[in-house]
Amino acid sequence: MKVDVLYEAGYFEALLGLSLSYEQPLEKMVTVAAKLAHKDCGHNKFLESIAVWLDITAARYWWQQFDTYRVGVSKQSGSTMHTVLHRALTQDDFEQPIAQQILVRLNELISGKYFELVKNELPEGFLQRRIVCTNYKVLRHIITQRESHRLKEWHTFCDAVRAQIEYPGFLPRPISLETPQGGLQRESSQRIEVRYPIHSE
């Protein structure tokens, strides 16, 4: 699995909109935004205005779960219908190595241009690449729901987003410390770094 943050936009505009609610100067919204980011139920709706574009290559079984997130998410993907017959497959086309006889079978079908059979027999580990456009509010929701998921790809996704995003302090803090009861808790020492552009007239 590979996750790359391509581009972010809307931070300045999000804080500008936030300043309207408080009728305060824009520079004061940096502190306000840091406090509101972790208050859901509408208090952090300014996060919806900060757009994020992601380049994700992942297995079909992961995309099936990701596709449950539809609100605030748009996706463009490589078309299996248009490309799967263009070349022979290799082990690099799958999240984990597949049985050699299965790979041979798939390439025989590809060579024979049996599109429907190829689609039918493609393993769930087949990698697909998509460009995803979403926002910080959705990323908060996804990380909150999936960070402790048994599927390791979700851990990879959450870690990659946090490592590359411009404002990781707006996202849920990592779950990494065990409580005395054996549960999990979120780290409380994560530094929140936010910036706002300075515009001169």
N, C-alpha and C. Protein backbone atom coordinates (compact mmCIF):
# COMPACT_ATOMS: atom_id res chain seq x y z
N MET A 1 0.84 -1.19 0.00
CA MET A 1 0.00 0.00 0.00
C MET A 1 0.88 1.25 0.00
N LYS A 2 0.44 2.26 -0.74
CA LYS A 2 1.17 3.52 -0.80
C LYS A 2 0.18 4.67 -0.69
N VAL A 3 0.49 5.63 0.19
CA VAL A 3 -0.38 6.79 0.40
C VAL A 3 0.48 8.05 0.32
N ASP A 4 0.16 8.95 -0.60
CA ASP A 4 0.86 10.22 -0.73
C ASP A 4 -0.13 11.36 -0.67
N VAL A 5 0.17 12.36 0.15
CA VAL A 5 -0.61 13.59 0.16
C VAL A 5 -0.09 14.47 -0.97
N LEU A 6 -0.94 14.75 -1.94
CA LEU A 6 -0.51 15.51 -3.11
C LEU A 6 -0.58 17.02 -2.90
N TYR A 7 -1.65 17.48 -2.26
CA TYR A 7 -1.88 18.92 -2.21
C TYR A 7 -2.94 19.22 -1.16
N GLU A 8 -2.82 20.39 -0.56
CA GLU A 8 -3.84 20.88 0.37
C GLU A 8 -4.21 22.32 0.01
N ALA A 9 -5.42 22.68 0.29
CA ALA A 9 -5.88 24.04 -0.01
C ALA A 9 -7.03 24.41 0.92
N GLY A 10 -7.14 25.71 1.22
CA GLY A 10 -8.30 26.20 1.96
C GLY A 10 -8.06 26.57 3.41
N TYR A 11 -6.83 26.44 3.89
CA TYR A 11 -6.58 26.74 5.31
C TYR A 11 -6.89 28.21 5.63
N PHE A 12 -6.35 29.11 4.84
CA PHE A 12 -6.58 30.53 5.06
C PHE A 12 -8.08 30.85 4.97
N GLU A 13 -8.75 30.30 3.96
CA GLU A 13 -10.18 30.56 3.77
C GLU A 13 -11.01 29.98 4.92
N ALA A 14 -10.59 28.81 5.43
CA ALA A 14 -11.30 28.20 6.55
C ALA A 14 -11.22 29.08 7.80
N LEU A 15 -10.03 29.62 8.07
CA LEU A 15 -9.88 30.50 9.22
C LEU A 15 -10.58 31.83 9.02
N LEU A 16 -10.62 32.30 7.78
CA LEU A 16 -11.35 33.53 7.49
C LEU A 16 -12.83 33.35 7.79
N GLY A 17 -13.38 32.21 7.36
CA GLY A 17 -14.78 31.93 7.67
C GLY A 17 -15.02 31.79 9.16
N LEU A 18 -14.07 31.18 9.86
CA LEU A 18 -14.18 31.02 11.30
C LEU A 18 -14.19 32.38 12.00
N SER A 19 -13.42 33.31 11.47
CA SER A 19 -13.34 34.64 12.09
C SER A 19 -14.68 35.37 12.02
N LEU A 20 -15.50 35.04 11.04
CA LEU A 20 -16.82 35.69 10.93
C LEU A 20 -17.71 35.34 12.11
N SER A 21 -17.58 34.11 12.60
CA SER A 21 -18.40 33.69 13.73
C SER A 21 -18.03 34.43 15.01
N TYR A 22 -16.78 34.81 15.13
CA TYR A 22 -16.30 35.43 16.36
C TYR A 22 -16.11 36.94 16.24
N GLU A 23 -16.20 37.44 15.00
CA GLU A 23 -15.98 38.86 14.75
C GLU A 23 -14.66 39.33 15.38
N GLN A 24 -13.63 38.53 15.13
CA GLN A 24 -12.31 38.82 15.64
C GLN A 24 -11.31 38.80 14.49
N PRO A 25 -10.13 39.42 14.69
CA PRO A 25 -9.11 39.42 13.64
C PRO A 25 -8.68 38.00 13.26
N LEU A 26 -8.28 37.84 12.02
CA LEU A 26 -7.90 36.53 11.50
C LEU A 26 -6.78 35.89 12.30
N GLU A 27 -5.80 36.69 12.73
CA GLU A 27 -4.65 36.11 13.42
C GLU A 27 -5.03 35.43 14.73
N LYS A 28 -6.14 35.85 15.33
CA LYS A 28 -6.58 35.21 16.57
C LYS A 28 -7.24 33.86 16.33
N MET A 29 -7.60 33.57 15.09
CA MET A 29 -8.30 32.33 14.79
C MET A 29 -7.37 31.11 14.80
N VAL A 30 -6.07 31.33 14.77
CA VAL A 30 -5.13 30.21 14.83
C VAL A 30 -5.33 29.44 16.13
N THR A 31 -5.38 30.16 17.24
CA THR A 31 -5.58 29.52 18.54
C THR A 31 -6.98 28.94 18.66
N VAL A 32 -7.97 29.66 18.17
CA VAL A 32 -9.36 29.17 18.23
C VAL A 32 -9.50 27.89 17.42
N ALA A 33 -8.91 27.86 16.23
CA ALA A 33 -9.01 26.68 15.37
C ALA A 33 -8.38 25.47 16.03
N ALA A 34 -7.25 25.66 16.69
CA ALA A 34 -6.57 24.55 17.36
C ALA A 34 -7.45 23.95 18.46
N LYS A 35 -8.23 24.80 19.14
CA LYS A 35 -9.11 24.32 20.20
C LYS A 35 -10.36 23.64 19.64
N LEU A 36 -10.93 24.22 18.58
CA LEU A 36 -12.18 23.70 18.02
C LEU A 36 -12.00 22.43 17.19
N ALA A 37 -10.80 22.22 16.68
CA ALA A 37 -10.57 21.09 15.77
C ALA A 37 -11.01 19.76 16.38
N HIS A 38 -10.87 19.61 17.69
CA HIS A 38 -11.19 18.34 18.36
C HIS A 38 -12.58 18.32 18.97
N LYS A 39 -13.36 19.38 18.70
CA LYS A 39 -14.74 19.41 19.18
C LYS A 39 -15.67 19.15 18.00
N ASP A 40 -16.17 17.93 17.94
CA ASP A 40 -17.04 17.55 16.82
C ASP A 40 -18.46 18.08 17.04
N CYS A 41 -19.44 17.48 16.41
CA CYS A 41 -20.85 17.90 16.53
C CYS A 41 -21.06 19.32 16.01
N GLY A 42 -20.30 19.70 14.97
CA GLY A 42 -20.52 20.99 14.33
C GLY A 42 -19.57 22.08 14.74
N HIS A 43 -18.90 21.93 15.87
CA HIS A 43 -17.99 22.98 16.34
C HIS A 43 -16.75 23.11 15.44
N ASN A 44 -16.38 22.04 14.79
CA ASN A 44 -15.18 22.07 13.95
C ASN A 44 -15.51 22.00 12.45
N LYS A 45 -16.65 22.51 12.08
CA LYS A 45 -17.06 22.42 10.68
C LYS A 45 -16.13 23.19 9.75
N PHE A 46 -15.30 24.10 10.30
CA PHE A 46 -14.35 24.81 9.46
C PHE A 46 -13.38 23.85 8.78
N LEU A 47 -13.21 22.65 9.37
CA LEU A 47 -12.31 21.65 8.78
C LEU A 47 -12.81 21.15 7.42
N GLU A 48 -14.10 21.28 7.18
CA GLU A 48 -14.65 20.87 5.89
C GLU A 48 -14.12 21.73 4.75
N SER A 49 -13.64 22.93 5.09
CA SER A 49 -13.16 23.86 4.06
C SER A 49 -11.70 23.66 3.70
N ILE A 50 -11.01 22.78 4.41
CA ILE A 50 -9.60 22.50 4.11
C ILE A 50 -9.53 21.22 3.30
N ALA A 51 -9.31 21.37 2.00
CA ALA A 51 -9.33 20.23 1.09
C ALA A 51 -7.97 19.54 1.04
N VAL A 52 -8.01 18.22 0.82
CA VAL A 52 -6.79 17.42 0.74
C VAL A 52 -6.92 16.45 -0.43
N TRP A 53 -5.88 16.39 -1.25
CA TRP A 53 -5.84 15.43 -2.36
C TRP A 53 -4.82 14.34 -2.02
N LEU A 54 -5.25 13.09 -2.14
CA LEU A 54 -4.40 11.93 -1.82
C LEU A 54 -4.22 11.04 -3.04
N ASP A 55 -3.03 10.50 -3.18
CA ASP A 55 -2.72 9.50 -4.22
C ASP A 55 -2.53 8.18 -3.49
N ILE A 56 -3.49 7.25 -3.68
CA ILE A 56 -3.48 6.01 -2.91
C ILE A 56 -3.45 4.80 -3.84
N THR A 57 -2.52 3.90 -3.59
CA THR A 57 -2.49 2.60 -4.25
C THR A 57 -2.74 1.55 -3.18
N ALA A 58 -3.82 0.79 -3.34
CA ALA A 58 -4.21 -0.17 -2.30
C ALA A 58 -4.95 -1.34 -2.93
N ALA A 59 -5.08 -2.38 -2.13
CA ALA A 59 -5.75 -3.60 -2.58
C ALA A 59 -7.25 -3.40 -2.70
N ARG A 60 -7.85 -4.21 -3.55
CA ARG A 60 -9.29 -4.11 -3.76
C ARG A 60 -10.07 -4.28 -2.45
N TYR A 61 -9.60 -5.18 -1.58
CA TYR A 61 -10.34 -5.41 -0.33
C TYR A 61 -10.31 -4.18 0.57
N TRP A 62 -9.25 -3.36 0.50
CA TRP A 62 -9.21 -2.12 1.29
C TRP A 62 -10.13 -1.07 0.68
N TRP A 63 -10.13 -0.98 -0.65
CA TRP A 63 -11.00 0.00 -1.30
C TRP A 63 -12.48 -0.29 -1.01
N GLN A 64 -12.82 -1.56 -0.86
CA GLN A 64 -14.21 -1.89 -0.54
C GLN A 64 -14.63 -1.26 0.79
N GLN A 65 -13.73 -1.23 1.75
CA GLN A 65 -14.03 -0.60 3.03
C GLN A 65 -13.98 0.92 2.92
N PHE A 66 -13.00 1.45 2.19
CA PHE A 66 -12.88 2.89 2.03
C PHE A 66 -14.11 3.47 1.34
N ASP A 67 -14.70 2.70 0.44
CA ASP A 67 -15.84 3.19 -0.32
C ASP A 67 -17.09 3.42 0.54
N THR A 68 -17.05 3.03 1.82
CA THR A 68 -18.17 3.35 2.70
C THR A 68 -18.18 4.85 3.02
N TYR A 69 -17.05 5.53 2.77
CA TYR A 69 -16.98 6.97 3.02
C TYR A 69 -17.30 7.71 1.72
N ARG A 70 -18.50 8.23 1.63
CA ARG A 70 -18.99 8.85 0.40
C ARG A 70 -19.21 10.36 0.54
N VAL A 71 -19.62 10.80 1.73
CA VAL A 71 -19.88 12.22 1.93
C VAL A 71 -18.55 12.95 2.09
N GLY A 72 -18.34 13.98 1.26
CA GLY A 72 -17.10 14.73 1.34
C GLY A 72 -15.91 14.04 0.72
N VAL A 73 -16.16 13.04 -0.13
CA VAL A 73 -15.08 12.29 -0.76
C VAL A 73 -15.39 12.11 -2.24
N SER A 74 -14.43 12.41 -3.11
CA SER A 74 -14.56 12.09 -4.52
C SER A 74 -13.31 11.32 -4.94
N LYS A 75 -13.47 10.39 -5.87
CA LYS A 75 -12.38 9.51 -6.26
C LYS A 75 -12.31 9.39 -7.78
N GLN A 76 -11.09 9.37 -8.30
CA GLN A 76 -10.84 9.04 -9.69
C GLN A 76 -9.83 7.90 -9.70
N SER A 77 -10.13 6.86 -10.48
CA SER A 77 -9.28 5.67 -10.39
C SER A 77 -8.85 5.17 -11.76
N GLY A 78 -7.79 4.36 -11.72
CA GLY A 78 -7.39 3.64 -12.91
C GLY A 78 -8.49 2.65 -13.26
N SER A 79 -8.89 2.58 -14.49
CA SER A 79 -10.01 1.73 -14.90
C SER A 79 -9.53 0.32 -15.22
N THR A 80 -10.01 -0.64 -14.42
CA THR A 80 -9.70 -2.04 -14.71
C THR A 80 -10.26 -2.44 -16.06
N MET A 81 -11.44 -1.94 -16.39
CA MET A 81 -12.09 -2.28 -17.65
C MET A 81 -11.22 -1.88 -18.84
N HIS A 82 -10.57 -0.71 -18.73
CA HIS A 82 -9.81 -0.20 -19.86
C HIS A 82 -8.36 -0.67 -19.89
N THR A 83 -7.83 -1.11 -18.74
CA THR A 83 -6.38 -1.37 -18.68
C THR A 83 -5.98 -2.80 -18.37
N VAL A 84 -6.88 -3.60 -17.82
CA VAL A 84 -6.46 -4.90 -17.30
C VAL A 84 -5.96 -5.85 -18.40
N LEU A 85 -6.37 -5.63 -19.64
CA LEU A 85 -5.93 -6.49 -20.74
C LEU A 85 -4.71 -5.95 -21.47
N HIS A 86 -4.16 -4.83 -20.99
CA HIS A 86 -3.06 -4.19 -21.72
C HIS A 86 -1.72 -4.88 -21.55
N ARG A 87 -1.54 -5.60 -20.45
CA ARG A 87 -0.23 -6.22 -20.20
C ARG A 87 -0.39 -7.41 -19.27
N ALA A 88 0.66 -8.22 -19.21
CA ALA A 88 0.67 -9.35 -18.29
C ALA A 88 0.86 -8.84 -16.86
N LEU A 89 0.25 -9.52 -15.91
CA LEU A 89 0.38 -9.15 -14.51
C LEU A 89 1.63 -9.79 -13.89
N THR A 90 2.15 -9.14 -12.86
CA THR A 90 3.28 -9.68 -12.11
C THR A 90 2.91 -9.67 -10.63
N GLN A 91 3.77 -10.22 -9.81
CA GLN A 91 3.51 -10.23 -8.37
C GLN A 91 3.45 -8.82 -7.79
N ASP A 92 4.08 -7.86 -8.45
CA ASP A 92 4.06 -6.47 -7.98
C ASP A 92 2.68 -5.83 -8.10
N ASP A 93 1.78 -6.49 -8.81
CA ASP A 93 0.43 -5.96 -8.97
C ASP A 93 -0.49 -6.35 -7.82
N PHE A 94 0.05 -7.01 -6.80
CA PHE A 94 -0.77 -7.50 -5.70
C PHE A 94 -0.17 -7.09 -4.36
N GLU A 95 -1.03 -6.91 -3.37
CA GLU A 95 -0.59 -6.51 -2.04
C GLU A 95 0.34 -7.56 -1.43
N GLN A 96 -0.01 -8.82 -1.62
CA GLN A 96 0.82 -9.94 -1.18
C GLN A 96 0.99 -10.90 -2.35
N PRO A 97 2.11 -11.65 -2.41
CA PRO A 97 2.29 -12.61 -3.51
C PRO A 97 1.12 -13.60 -3.58
N ILE A 98 0.71 -13.90 -4.80
CA ILE A 98 -0.34 -14.89 -5.01
C ILE A 98 0.27 -16.18 -5.54
N ALA A 99 -0.49 -17.25 -5.51
CA ALA A 99 0.01 -18.53 -6.01
C ALA A 99 0.41 -18.40 -7.49
N GLN A 100 1.50 -19.00 -7.84
CA GLN A 100 2.01 -18.87 -9.20
C GLN A 100 1.02 -19.39 -10.23
N GLN A 101 0.32 -20.47 -9.90
CA GLN A 101 -0.64 -21.02 -10.86
C GLN A 101 -1.80 -20.05 -11.13
N ILE A 102 -2.15 -19.27 -10.11
CA ILE A 102 -3.20 -18.27 -10.29
C ILE A 102 -2.70 -17.16 -11.20
N LEU A 103 -1.47 -16.74 -11.01
CA LEU A 103 -0.89 -15.69 -11.85
C LEU A 103 -0.81 -16.16 -13.30
N VAL A 104 -0.39 -17.41 -13.51
CA VAL A 104 -0.32 -17.96 -14.86
C VAL A 104 -1.70 -17.99 -15.49
N ARG A 105 -2.69 -18.44 -14.74
CA ARG A 105 -4.07 -18.50 -15.22
C ARG A 105 -4.57 -17.12 -15.63
N LEU A 106 -4.34 -16.11 -14.79
CA LEU A 106 -4.77 -14.76 -15.11
C LEU A 106 -4.12 -14.25 -16.39
N ASN A 107 -2.84 -14.50 -16.55
CA ASN A 107 -2.14 -14.01 -17.74
C ASN A 107 -2.57 -14.76 -19.00
N GLU A 108 -2.97 -16.01 -18.86
CA GLU A 108 -3.53 -16.74 -20.00
C GLU A 108 -4.85 -16.10 -20.43
N LEU A 109 -5.67 -15.74 -19.45
CA LEU A 109 -6.94 -15.08 -19.76
C LEU A 109 -6.72 -13.70 -20.38
N ILE A 110 -5.72 -12.99 -19.87
CA ILE A 110 -5.40 -11.67 -20.42
C ILE A 110 -4.92 -11.81 -21.85
N SER A 111 -4.07 -12.80 -22.10
CA SER A 111 -3.57 -13.03 -23.45
C SER A 111 -4.69 -13.36 -24.42
N GLY A 112 -5.72 -14.07 -23.90
CA GLY A 112 -6.85 -14.44 -24.74
C GLY A 112 -7.94 -13.38 -24.79
N LYS A 113 -7.72 -12.25 -24.11
CA LYS A 113 -8.67 -11.13 -24.08
C LYS A 113 -10.02 -11.52 -23.47
N TYR A 114 -9.98 -12.40 -22.47
CA TYR A 114 -11.21 -12.83 -21.79
C TYR A 114 -11.51 -11.87 -20.63
N PHE A 115 -12.01 -10.72 -20.98
CA PHE A 115 -12.16 -9.64 -20.00
C PHE A 115 -13.02 -10.05 -18.80
N GLU A 116 -14.20 -10.60 -19.05
CA GLU A 116 -15.11 -10.92 -17.96
C GLU A 116 -14.52 -11.98 -17.03
N LEU A 117 -13.80 -12.95 -17.58
CA LEU A 117 -13.18 -13.97 -16.75
C LEU A 117 -12.05 -13.38 -15.91
N VAL A 118 -11.28 -12.47 -16.50
CA VAL A 118 -10.21 -11.81 -15.74
C VAL A 118 -10.80 -11.05 -14.56
N LYS A 119 -11.85 -10.26 -14.84
CA LYS A 119 -12.50 -9.51 -13.77
C LYS A 119 -13.03 -10.43 -12.68
N ASN A 120 -13.58 -11.55 -13.08
CA ASN A 120 -14.19 -12.48 -12.15
C ASN A 120 -13.15 -13.17 -11.27
N GLU A 121 -11.95 -13.39 -11.82
CA GLU A 121 -10.95 -14.17 -11.11
C GLU A 121 -9.84 -13.34 -10.48
N LEU A 122 -9.88 -12.02 -10.63
CA LEU A 122 -8.86 -11.17 -10.01
C LEU A 122 -8.94 -11.31 -8.48
N PRO A 123 -7.83 -11.61 -7.83
CA PRO A 123 -7.82 -11.71 -6.37
C PRO A 123 -8.11 -10.37 -5.71
N GLU A 124 -8.60 -10.42 -4.48
CA GLU A 124 -8.91 -9.20 -3.74
C GLU A 124 -7.66 -8.38 -3.43
N GLY A 125 -6.50 -9.01 -3.51
CA GLY A 125 -5.26 -8.31 -3.24
C GLY A 125 -4.74 -7.50 -4.42
N PHE A 126 -5.46 -7.50 -5.53
CA PHE A 126 -5.04 -6.73 -6.71
C PHE A 126 -5.01 -5.24 -6.37
N LEU A 127 -3.90 -4.59 -6.70
CA LEU A 127 -3.72 -3.18 -6.35
C LEU A 127 -4.39 -2.25 -7.35
N GLN A 128 -5.08 -1.26 -6.82
CA GLN A 128 -5.69 -0.23 -7.64
C GLN A 128 -5.26 1.14 -7.14
N ARG A 129 -5.04 2.05 -8.06
CA ARG A 129 -4.61 3.40 -7.71
C ARG A 129 -5.76 4.39 -7.93
N ARG A 130 -5.96 5.25 -6.95
CA ARG A 130 -7.00 6.27 -7.05
C ARG A 130 -6.48 7.61 -6.53
N ILE A 131 -6.98 8.67 -7.10
CA ILE A 131 -6.75 10.01 -6.59
C ILE A 131 -8.00 10.39 -5.80
N VAL A 132 -7.83 10.68 -4.55
CA VAL A 132 -8.94 10.96 -3.65
C VAL A 132 -8.91 12.43 -3.23
N CYS A 133 -10.04 13.09 -3.36
CA CYS A 133 -10.18 14.47 -2.87
C CYS A 133 -11.13 14.45 -1.68
N THR A 134 -10.66 14.94 -0.55
CA THR A 134 -11.49 14.93 0.66
C THR A 134 -11.15 16.16 1.49
N ASN A 135 -11.42 16.14 2.77
CA ASN A 135 -11.12 17.28 3.63
C ASN A 135 -10.74 16.81 5.03
N TYR A 136 -10.29 17.75 5.85
CA TYR A 136 -9.81 17.41 7.19
C TYR A 136 -10.92 16.81 8.06
N LYS A 137 -12.14 17.28 7.90
CA LYS A 137 -13.23 16.75 8.71
C LYS A 137 -13.45 15.27 8.42
N VAL A 138 -13.43 14.90 7.16
CA VAL A 138 -13.60 13.50 6.79
C VAL A 138 -12.41 12.66 7.28
N LEU A 139 -11.20 13.19 7.15
CA LEU A 139 -10.03 12.46 7.62
C LEU A 139 -10.09 12.22 9.13
N ARG A 140 -10.58 13.19 9.88
CA ARG A 140 -10.77 12.99 11.32
C ARG A 140 -11.72 11.82 11.57
N HIS A 141 -12.81 11.82 10.82
CA HIS A 141 -13.83 10.76 10.98
C HIS A 141 -13.24 9.39 10.65
N ILE A 142 -12.52 9.30 9.54
CA ILE A 142 -11.93 8.03 9.13
C ILE A 142 -10.93 7.53 10.16
N ILE A 143 -10.03 8.39 10.60
CA ILE A 143 -9.01 7.98 11.56
C ILE A 143 -9.65 7.53 12.87
N THR A 144 -10.66 8.26 13.33
CA THR A 144 -11.34 7.88 14.57
C THR A 144 -11.95 6.49 14.46
N GLN A 145 -12.54 6.19 13.32
CA GLN A 145 -13.21 4.90 13.14
C GLN A 145 -12.25 3.75 12.85
N ARG A 146 -11.16 4.02 12.15
CA ARG A 146 -10.35 2.93 11.60
C ARG A 146 -8.98 2.73 12.22
N GLU A 147 -8.56 3.62 13.09
CA GLU A 147 -7.19 3.53 13.60
C GLU A 147 -6.89 2.22 14.32
N SER A 148 -7.89 1.66 14.97
CA SER A 148 -7.68 0.41 15.70
C SER A 148 -8.21 -0.81 14.93
N HIS A 149 -8.45 -0.64 13.65
CA HIS A 149 -9.02 -1.72 12.83
C HIS A 149 -8.04 -2.87 12.69
N ARG A 150 -8.55 -4.07 12.58
CA ARG A 150 -7.69 -5.25 12.47
C ARG A 150 -6.95 -5.31 11.14
N LEU A 151 -7.44 -4.61 10.11
CA LEU A 151 -6.78 -4.60 8.81
C LEU A 151 -5.59 -3.66 8.87
N LYS A 152 -4.38 -4.19 8.66
CA LYS A 152 -3.16 -3.41 8.85
C LYS A 152 -3.08 -2.22 7.90
N GLU A 153 -3.73 -2.30 6.74
CA GLU A 153 -3.68 -1.18 5.80
C GLU A 153 -4.27 0.10 6.39
N TRP A 154 -5.22 -0.03 7.30
CA TRP A 154 -5.78 1.16 7.92
C TRP A 154 -4.75 1.84 8.81
N HIS A 155 -3.90 1.06 9.46
CA HIS A 155 -2.82 1.64 10.27
C HIS A 155 -1.85 2.38 9.36
N THR A 156 -1.54 1.78 8.21
CA THR A 156 -0.65 2.42 7.25
C THR A 156 -1.25 3.73 6.77
N PHE A 157 -2.54 3.72 6.45
CA PHE A 157 -3.22 4.92 5.98
C PHE A 157 -3.17 6.03 7.03
N CYS A 158 -3.56 5.73 8.26
CA CYS A 158 -3.60 6.74 9.32
C CYS A 158 -2.21 7.31 9.58
N ASP A 159 -1.21 6.45 9.63
CA ASP A 159 0.16 6.92 9.89
C ASP A 159 0.67 7.79 8.75
N ALA A 160 0.38 7.39 7.51
CA ALA A 160 0.86 8.14 6.35
C ALA A 160 0.20 9.52 6.28
N VAL A 161 -1.10 9.59 6.56
CA VAL A 161 -1.80 10.87 6.53
C VAL A 161 -1.23 11.79 7.60
N ARG A 162 -1.08 11.30 8.81
CA ARG A 162 -0.54 12.13 9.89
C ARG A 162 0.87 12.63 9.58
N ALA A 163 1.68 11.77 8.97
CA ALA A 163 3.07 12.12 8.72
C ALA A 163 3.21 13.18 7.63
N GLN A 164 2.25 13.24 6.70
CA GLN A 164 2.40 14.11 5.55
C GLN A 164 1.50 15.35 5.56
N ILE A 165 0.46 15.31 6.35
CA ILE A 165 -0.52 16.40 6.34
C ILE A 165 0.12 17.68 6.89
N GLU A 166 -0.33 18.82 6.42
CA GLU A 166 0.26 20.09 6.86
C GLU A 166 -0.11 20.45 8.30
N TYR A 167 -1.29 20.03 8.75
CA TYR A 167 -1.76 20.40 10.08
C TYR A 167 -2.20 19.16 10.86
N PRO A 168 -1.24 18.31 11.25
CA PRO A 168 -1.61 17.06 11.95
C PRO A 168 -2.29 17.32 13.28
N GLY A 169 -2.09 18.51 13.85
CA GLY A 169 -2.75 18.82 15.11
C GLY A 169 -4.26 18.92 15.01
N PHE A 170 -4.79 19.02 13.79
CA PHE A 170 -6.24 19.04 13.59
C PHE A 170 -6.84 17.64 13.57
N LEU A 171 -5.99 16.62 13.50
CA LEU A 171 -6.47 15.24 13.41
C LEU A 171 -6.44 14.58 14.79
N PRO A 172 -7.16 13.47 14.97
CA PRO A 172 -7.12 12.77 16.26
C PRO A 172 -5.69 12.36 16.60
N ARG A 173 -5.35 12.46 17.86
CA ARG A 173 -4.02 12.07 18.30
C ARG A 173 -3.86 10.56 18.17
N PRO A 174 -2.63 10.10 17.95
CA PRO A 174 -2.42 8.65 17.76
C PRO A 174 -2.81 7.84 18.98
N ILE A 175 -3.36 6.66 18.75
CA ILE A 175 -3.62 5.70 19.82
C ILE A 175 -2.39 4.82 19.92
N SER A 176 -1.65 4.92 21.03
CA SER A 176 -0.43 4.13 21.11
C SER A 176 -0.09 3.69 22.53
N LEU A 177 -0.70 4.31 23.52
CA LEU A 177 -0.35 3.99 24.89
C LEU A 177 -1.41 3.12 25.54
N GLU A 178 -0.98 2.05 26.23
CA GLU A 178 -1.92 1.19 26.91
C GLU A 178 -2.27 1.77 28.28
N THR A 179 -3.55 1.71 28.62
CA THR A 179 -4.01 2.16 29.92
C THR A 179 -3.79 1.04 30.94
N PRO A 180 -3.85 1.34 32.23
CA PRO A 180 -3.70 0.28 33.24
C PRO A 180 -4.72 -0.83 33.09
N GLN A 181 -5.89 -0.51 32.50
CA GLN A 181 -6.92 -1.53 32.32
C GLN A 181 -6.68 -2.35 31.06
N GLY A 182 -5.60 -2.06 30.35
CA GLY A 182 -5.28 -2.83 29.16
C GLY A 182 -5.87 -2.27 27.89
N GLY A 183 -6.57 -1.12 28.00
CA GLY A 183 -7.16 -0.52 26.82
C GLY A 183 -6.18 0.39 26.12
N LEU A 184 -6.70 1.26 25.28
CA LEU A 184 -5.84 2.18 24.54
C LEU A 184 -6.24 3.60 24.84
N GLN A 185 -5.28 4.49 24.82
CA GLN A 185 -5.58 5.90 25.01
C GLN A 185 -4.82 6.70 23.97
N ARG A 186 -5.28 7.92 23.74
CA ARG A 186 -4.62 8.78 22.77
C ARG A 186 -3.51 9.58 23.43
N GLU A 187 -2.40 9.73 22.71
CA GLU A 187 -1.30 10.52 23.24
C GLU A 187 -1.77 11.95 23.48
N SER A 188 -1.39 12.51 24.60
CA SER A 188 -1.84 13.86 24.95
C SER A 188 -0.78 14.92 24.70
N SER A 189 0.41 14.49 24.27
CA SER A 189 1.51 15.44 24.15
C SER A 189 1.80 15.86 22.72
N GLN A 190 0.94 15.46 21.79
CA GLN A 190 1.20 15.82 20.40
C GLN A 190 1.12 17.34 20.22
N ARG A 191 2.13 17.88 19.64
CA ARG A 191 2.19 19.32 19.44
C ARG A 191 1.29 19.73 18.28
N ILE A 192 0.52 20.78 18.49
CA ILE A 192 -0.36 21.30 17.44
C ILE A 192 0.34 22.48 16.79
N GLU A 193 0.65 22.35 15.53
CA GLU A 193 1.29 23.41 14.78
C GLU A 193 0.35 23.90 13.69
N VAL A 194 -0.04 25.16 13.77
CA VAL A 194 -0.90 25.74 12.75
C VAL A 194 -0.28 27.04 12.28
N ARG A 195 -0.52 27.37 11.04
CA ARG A 195 0.05 28.58 10.47
C ARG A 195 -1.03 29.32 9.71
N TYR A 196 -0.84 30.61 9.54
CA TYR A 196 -1.73 31.38 8.69
C TYR A 196 -0.89 32.29 7.82
N PRO A 197 -1.29 32.50 6.57
CA PRO A 197 -0.49 33.32 5.67
C PRO A 197 -0.57 34.78 6.05
N ILE A 198 0.51 35.49 5.82
CA ILE A 198 0.55 36.92 6.06
C ILE A 198 0.44 37.63 4.74
N HIS A 199 -0.59 38.44 4.57
CA HIS A 199 -0.81 39.15 3.33
C HIS A 199 -0.52 40.64 3.53
N SER A 200 0.28 41.19 2.67
CA SER A 200 0.58 42.62 2.74
C SER A 200 -0.18 43.34 1.64
N GLU A 201 -0.67 44.50 1.98
CA GLU A 201 -1.43 45.27 1.00
C GLU A 201 -0.50 46.06 0.09
